[in-house]
Amino acid sequence: MELEQFIFKSRTHTSIEILIFLAENHFNAKLSAIYETTQATDASVRQHLRALEQLNFIRQSNDGVDGRAKTISMTDYGQEQLALYARELAKLITVDAAEAN
């Protein structure tokens, strides 16, 4: 399994929160919406977005309607990695539930 170590092994809450927010919003969101929904500071969000972009999980672009606004989109690679993470997490939960019984 090729999950990116930086994001998933470190359990970086803000990065996961951003990816989940994008998934809930059809893999696209305005940067301002991401700032509003996370529990992190704007500076922290920018840092996480840079890291996610370097990992090719997201891309940032200028909004077509408002040139000052930024749109954040999850790449196909990012969507694949998030799906892999979700499957692995589901396996862990299933194993833990079975062992608890």
Protein backbone atom coordinates (compact mmCIF):
# COMPACT_ATOMS: atom_id res chain seq x y z
CA MET A 1 0.00 0.00 0.00
CA GLU A 2 1.44 3.37 -1.04
CA LEU A 3 -0.05 5.80 1.45
CA GLU A 4 2.04 8.93 1.79
CA GLN A 5 3.98 8.67 5.04
CA PHE A 6 3.94 12.39 5.80
CA ILE A 7 0.15 12.65 5.87
CA PHE A 8 -1.18 9.37 7.16
CA LYS A 9 1.55 7.97 9.39
CA SER A 10 1.92 11.25 11.22
CA ARG A 11 -1.86 11.47 11.66
CA THR A 12 -1.77 15.18 10.84
CA HIS A 13 -5.27 16.19 11.83
CA THR A 14 -5.45 19.39 9.78
CA SER A 15 -4.34 17.68 6.56
CA ILE A 16 -6.86 14.89 7.05
CA GLU A 17 -9.53 17.47 7.90
CA ILE A 18 -8.80 19.35 4.64
CA LEU A 19 -8.94 16.16 2.56
CA ILE A 20 -12.21 15.07 4.14
CA PHE A 21 -13.71 18.52 3.59
CA LEU A 22 -12.72 18.35 -0.08
CA ALA A 23 -14.21 14.86 -0.41
CA GLU A 24 -17.47 16.06 1.16
CA ASN A 25 -17.57 18.92 -1.37
CA HIS A 26 -17.08 16.93 -4.58
CA PHE A 27 -13.28 17.32 -4.34
CA ASN A 28 -13.36 21.12 -4.85
CA ALA A 29 -13.69 24.04 -2.46
CA LYS A 30 -12.83 27.68 -2.20
CA LEU A 31 -9.85 28.41 0.00
CA SER A 32 -11.99 30.71 2.14
CA ALA A 33 -14.36 27.79 2.91
CA ILE A 34 -11.42 25.65 4.01
CA TYR A 35 -10.21 28.42 6.33
CA GLU A 36 -13.71 28.71 7.84
CA THR A 37 -14.21 25.00 8.49
CA THR A 38 -10.87 23.97 9.95
CA GLN A 39 -9.90 24.41 13.56
CA ALA A 40 -6.42 25.59 12.56
CA THR A 41 -5.04 29.06 11.98
CA ASP A 42 -4.86 30.44 8.45
CA ALA A 43 -1.06 30.13 8.53
CA SER A 44 -1.31 26.48 9.55
CA VAL A 45 -3.86 25.76 6.81
CA ARG A 46 -1.55 27.36 4.21
CA GLN A 47 1.33 25.19 5.46
CA HIS A 48 -0.78 22.02 5.17
CA LEU A 49 -2.01 23.00 1.72
CA ARG A 50 1.59 23.50 0.53
CA ALA A 51 2.52 20.05 1.85
CA LEU A 52 -0.54 18.44 0.24
CA GLU A 53 0.27 20.17 -3.04
CA GLN A 54 3.89 18.94 -2.92
CA LEU A 55 2.55 15.41 -2.46
CA ASN A 56 0.27 15.91 -5.50
CA PHE A 57 -2.86 15.42 -3.37
CA ILE A 58 -4.31 18.82 -4.28
CA ARG A 59 -3.90 21.66 -6.73
CA GLN A 60 -4.61 25.33 -6.20
CA SER A 61 -5.98 27.57 -8.95
CA ASN A 62 -7.50 30.99 -9.34
CA ASP A 63 -11.27 30.99 -9.19
CA GLY A 64 -12.84 31.54 -12.62
CA VAL A 65 -15.45 33.98 -11.31
CA ASP A 66 -13.43 35.91 -8.73
CA GLY A 67 -9.80 36.25 -9.77
CA ARG A 68 -8.75 37.07 -6.21
CA ALA A 69 -10.23 33.86 -4.80
CA LYS A 70 -8.46 30.49 -4.86
CA THR A 71 -10.05 27.13 -5.54
CA ILE A 72 -8.55 23.97 -4.05
CA SER A 73 -9.13 20.73 -5.95
CA MET A 74 -8.15 17.21 -4.99
CA THR A 75 -6.17 15.46 -7.72
CA ASP A 76 -7.02 11.99 -8.99
CA TYR A 77 -3.95 10.75 -7.13
CA GLY A 78 -5.16 12.39 -3.92
CA GLN A 79 -8.58 10.80 -4.31
CA GLU A 80 -6.99 7.38 -4.84
CA GLN A 81 -4.80 7.77 -1.77
CA LEU A 82 -7.71 8.93 0.38
CA ALA A 83 -9.75 5.91 -0.77
CA LEU A 84 -6.85 3.58 0.12
CA TYR A 85 -6.58 5.20 3.54
CA ALA A 86 -10.32 4.79 4.11
CA ARG A 87 -10.17 1.09 3.17
CA GLU A 88 -7.21 0.47 5.48
CA LEU A 89 -8.92 2.32 8.30
CA ALA A 90 -12.10 0.27 7.76
CA LYS A 91 -10.02 -2.94 8.00
CA LEU A 92 -8.51 -1.78 11.29
CA ILE A 93 -11.90 -0.93 12.70
CA THR A 94 -13.33 -4.29 11.61
CA VAL A 95 -10.39 -6.21 13.14
CA ASP A 96 -10.63 -4.23 16.40
CA ALA A 97 -14.40 -4.83 16.58
CA ALA A 98 -13.97 -8.56 15.95
CA GLU A 99 -11.27 -8.84 18.61
CA ALA A 100 -13.42 -6.98 21.13
CA ASN A 101 -16.16 -9.59 20.84
